């Protein structure tokens, strides 16, 4: 499925459908998911109906269905260090576009001509 062709609401509904399929395959009730994950049944309902939920509730739902580890694959950490190692390295935090063009322009004063 190409998520680029879907609206945000459609993507939410598709993710909710996938989560619900996993929940049913594992024979978990919505109450089980809410208790294990630490979210509310209302948040699960909002998610299933394509409504906006917080990323925290999404994480809790994934935890409740036992799929939190799959979130790791979403944005893989390609850096050489682990977050848990507490190694302080200088990383770029922002990218600034150069305001100078690559062509060098010599400035000429009006009276230097």
C-alpha atoms as a PDB file:
ATOM      1  CA  UNK A   1       0.000   0.000   0.000  1.00  0.00           C
ATOM      2  CA  UNK A   2       1.345   3.398  -0.949  1.00  0.00           C
ATOM      3  CA  UNK A   3       0.709   5.790   1.929  1.00  0.00           C
ATOM      4  CA  UNK A   4       1.677   8.727  -0.312  1.00  0.00           C
ATOM      5  CA  UNK A   5      -1.648   8.335  -2.088  1.00  0.00           C
ATOM      6  CA  UNK A   6      -3.745   8.379   1.107  1.00  0.00           C
ATOM      7  CA  UNK A   7      -5.055  11.176   3.272  1.00  0.00           C
ATOM      8  CA  UNK A   8      -3.946  11.394   6.891  1.00  0.00           C
ATOM      9  CA  UNK A   9      -7.290  10.002   8.045  1.00  0.00           C
ATOM     10  CA  UNK A  10      -7.010   7.073   5.638  1.00  0.00           C
ATOM     11  CA  UNK A  11      -3.500   6.297   6.896  1.00  0.00           C
ATOM     12  CA  UNK A  12      -4.736   6.360  10.490  1.00  0.00           C
ATOM     13  CA  UNK A  13      -7.592   4.007   9.571  1.00  0.00           C
ATOM     14  CA  UNK A  14      -5.193   1.636   7.796  1.00  0.00           C
ATOM     15  CA  UNK A  15      -2.792   1.578  10.753  1.00  0.00           C
ATOM     16  CA  UNK A  16      -5.741   1.033  13.097  1.00  0.00           C
ATOM     17  CA  UNK A  17      -7.007  -1.825  10.937  1.00  0.00           C
ATOM     18  CA  UNK A  18      -3.574  -3.461  11.018  1.00  0.00           C
ATOM     19  CA  UNK A  19      -3.363  -3.066  14.801  1.00  0.00           C
ATOM     20  CA  UNK A  20      -6.878  -4.432  15.241  1.00  0.00           C
ATOM     21  CA  UNK A  21      -6.077  -7.442  13.030  1.00  0.00           C
ATOM     22  CA  UNK A  22      -3.026  -8.194  15.191  1.00  0.00           C
ATOM     23  CA  UNK A  23      -5.126  -7.751  18.339  1.00  0.00           C
ATOM     24  CA  UNK A  24      -7.760 -10.189  17.092  1.00  0.00           C
ATOM     25  CA  UNK A  25      -5.137 -12.715  15.909  1.00  0.00           C
ATOM     26  CA  UNK A  26      -3.653 -12.673  19.404  1.00  0.00           C
ATOM     27  CA  UNK A  27      -7.172 -12.951  20.876  1.00  0.00           C
ATOM     28  CA  UNK A  28      -6.755  -9.788  22.968  1.00  0.00           C
ATOM     29  CA  UNK A  29      -9.772  -7.726  23.916  1.00  0.00           C
ATOM     30  CA  UNK A  30      -9.641  -3.942  23.693  1.00  0.00           C
ATOM     31  CA  UNK A  31      -9.653  -3.960  27.480  1.00  0.00           C
ATOM     32  CA  UNK A  32      -6.565  -6.212  27.472  1.00  0.00           C
ATOM     33  CA  UNK A  33      -4.786  -3.814  25.111  1.00  0.00           C
ATOM     34  CA  UNK A  34      -5.698  -0.806  27.222  1.00  0.00           C
ATOM     35  CA  UNK A  35      -4.535  -2.467  30.447  1.00  0.00           C
ATOM     36  CA  UNK A  36      -1.255  -3.842  29.085  1.00  0.00           C
ATOM     37  CA  UNK A  37      -0.464  -0.728  27.082  1.00  0.00           C
ATOM     38  CA  UNK A  38      -1.654   1.787  29.646  1.00  0.00           C
ATOM     39  CA  UNK A  39      -4.066   3.664  27.425  1.00  0.00           C
ATOM     40  CA  UNK A  40      -7.826   4.136  27.503  1.00  0.00           C
ATOM     41  CA  UNK A  41     -10.467   2.231  25.569  1.00  0.00           C
ATOM     42  CA  UNK A  42     -11.646   5.633  24.314  1.00  0.00           C
ATOM     43  CA  UNK A  43      -8.213   6.248  22.716  1.00  0.00           C
ATOM     44  CA  UNK A  44      -8.388   2.834  21.052  1.00  0.00           C
ATOM     45  CA  UNK A  45     -11.883   3.644  19.729  1.00  0.00           C
ATOM     46  CA  UNK A  46     -10.752   7.044  18.394  1.00  0.00           C
ATOM     47  CA  UNK A  47      -7.823   5.359  16.667  1.00  0.00           C
ATOM     48  CA  UNK A  48     -10.047   2.677  15.110  1.00  0.00           C
ATOM     49  CA  UNK A  49     -12.429   5.292  13.730  1.00  0.00           C
ATOM     50  CA  UNK A  50      -9.647   7.307  12.089  1.00  0.00           C
ATOM     51  CA  UNK A  51      -9.573  10.109  14.605  1.00  0.00           C
ATOM     52  CA  UNK A  52      -6.400  11.839  15.649  1.00  0.00           C
ATOM     53  CA  UNK A  53      -4.629  10.350  18.675  1.00  0.00           C
ATOM     54  CA  UNK A  54      -1.392  11.342  20.326  1.00  0.00           C
ATOM     55  CA  UNK A  55       1.838   9.583  19.468  1.00  0.00           C
ATOM     56  CA  UNK A  56       1.941   8.530  23.123  1.00  0.00           C
ATOM     57  CA  UNK A  57      -1.378   6.702  22.774  1.00  0.00           C
ATOM     58  CA  UNK A  58      -0.180   5.096  19.542  1.00  0.00           C
ATOM     59  CA  UNK A  59       2.912   3.819  21.376  1.00  0.00           C
ATOM     60  CA  UNK A  60       0.714   2.516  24.193  1.00  0.00           C
ATOM     61  CA  UNK A  61      -1.519   0.681  21.720  1.00  0.00           C
ATOM     62  CA  UNK A  62       1.525  -0.900  20.074  1.00  0.00           C
ATOM     63  CA  UNK A  63       2.769  -1.938  23.519  1.00  0.00           C
ATOM     64  CA  UNK A  64      -0.660  -3.388  24.302  1.00  0.00           C
ATOM     65  CA  UNK A  65      -0.666  -5.606  21.201  1.00  0.00           C
ATOM     66  CA  UNK A  66       2.973  -6.604  21.660  1.00  0.00           C
ATOM     67  CA  UNK A  67       4.265  -4.763  18.600  1.00  0.00           C
ATOM     68  CA  UNK A  68       6.239  -1.931  20.175  1.00  0.00           C
ATOM     69  CA  UNK A  69       9.517  -3.399  18.896  1.00  0.00           C
ATOM     70  CA  UNK A  70       8.242  -2.984  15.328  1.00  0.00           C
ATOM     71  CA  UNK A  71       8.353   0.777  15.839  1.00  0.00           C
ATOM     72  CA  UNK A  72      12.156   0.496  15.796  1.00  0.00           C
ATOM     73  CA  UNK A  73      11.979  -0.294  12.071  1.00  0.00           C
ATOM     74  CA  UNK A  74      10.122   2.920  11.291  1.00  0.00           C
ATOM     75  CA  UNK A  75      13.111   5.212  11.647  1.00  0.00           C
ATOM     76  CA  UNK A  76      16.260   3.178  12.032  1.00  0.00           C
ATOM     77  CA  UNK A  77      19.126   4.742  13.937  1.00  0.00           C
ATOM     78  CA  UNK A  78      22.065   4.682  11.545  1.00  0.00           C
ATOM     79  CA  UNK A  79      24.407   6.553  13.843  1.00  0.00           C
ATOM     80  CA  UNK A  80      27.375   4.625  15.235  1.00  0.00           C
ATOM     81  CA  UNK A  81      26.384   5.211  18.819  1.00  0.00           C
ATOM     82  CA  UNK A  82      23.463   4.027  20.862  1.00  0.00           C
ATOM     83  CA  UNK A  83      21.235   6.363  22.835  1.00  0.00           C
ATOM     84  CA  UNK A  84      21.858   4.298  25.938  1.00  0.00           C
ATOM     85  CA  UNK A  85      25.662   4.719  25.879  1.00  0.00           C
ATOM     86  CA  UNK A  86      25.565   8.363  26.999  1.00  0.00           C
ATOM     87  CA  UNK A  87      28.441   9.214  24.676  1.00  0.00           C
ATOM     88  CA  UNK A  88      28.448  12.906  24.011  1.00  0.00           C
ATOM     89  CA  UNK A  89      29.316  13.717  20.424  1.00  0.00           C
ATOM     90  CA  UNK A  90      28.822  16.866  18.485  1.00  0.00           C
ATOM     91  CA  UNK A  91      26.033  16.325  15.968  1.00  0.00           C
ATOM     92  CA  UNK A  92      24.489  18.764  13.593  1.00  0.00           C
ATOM     93  CA  UNK A  93      21.217  20.031  14.964  1.00  0.00           C
ATOM     94  CA  UNK A  94      20.300  22.279  12.076  1.00  0.00           C
ATOM     95  CA  UNK A  95      21.156  22.630   8.447  1.00  0.00           C
ATOM     96  CA  UNK A  96      21.765  26.164   7.287  1.00  0.00           C
ATOM     97  CA  UNK A  97      21.653  26.971   3.629  1.00  0.00           C
ATOM     98  CA  UNK A  98      24.467  29.166   2.441  1.00  0.00           C
ATOM     99  CA  UNK A  99      23.361  32.643   1.491  1.00  0.00           C
ATOM    100  CA  UNK A 100      26.400  33.033  -0.749  1.00  0.00           C
ATOM    101  CA  UNK A 101      26.338  31.764  -4.282  1.00  0.00           C
ATOM    102  CA  UNK A 102      29.132  29.577  -5.586  1.00  0.00           C
ATOM    103  CA  UNK A 103      30.165  32.164  -8.173  1.00  0.00           C
ATOM    104  CA  UNK A 104      32.618  34.678  -6.757  1.00  0.00           C
ATOM    105  CA  UNK A 105      31.592  38.241  -7.566  1.00  0.00           C
ATOM    106  CA  UNK A 106      34.143  41.021  -7.219  1.00  0.00           C
ATOM    107  CA  UNK A 107      32.556  44.143  -5.816  1.00  0.00           C
ATOM    108  CA  UNK A 108      33.374  47.368  -7.687  1.00  0.00           C
ATOM    109  CA  UNK A 109      32.735  50.761  -6.171  1.00  0.00           C
ATOM    110  CA  UNK A 110      31.125  53.287  -8.477  1.00  0.00           C
ATOM    111  CA  UNK A 111      34.211  55.551  -8.474  1.00  0.00           C
ATOM    112  CA  UNK A 112      36.706  52.699  -9.164  1.00  0.00           C
ATOM    113  CA  UNK A 113      35.667  52.191 -12.802  1.00  0.00           C
END
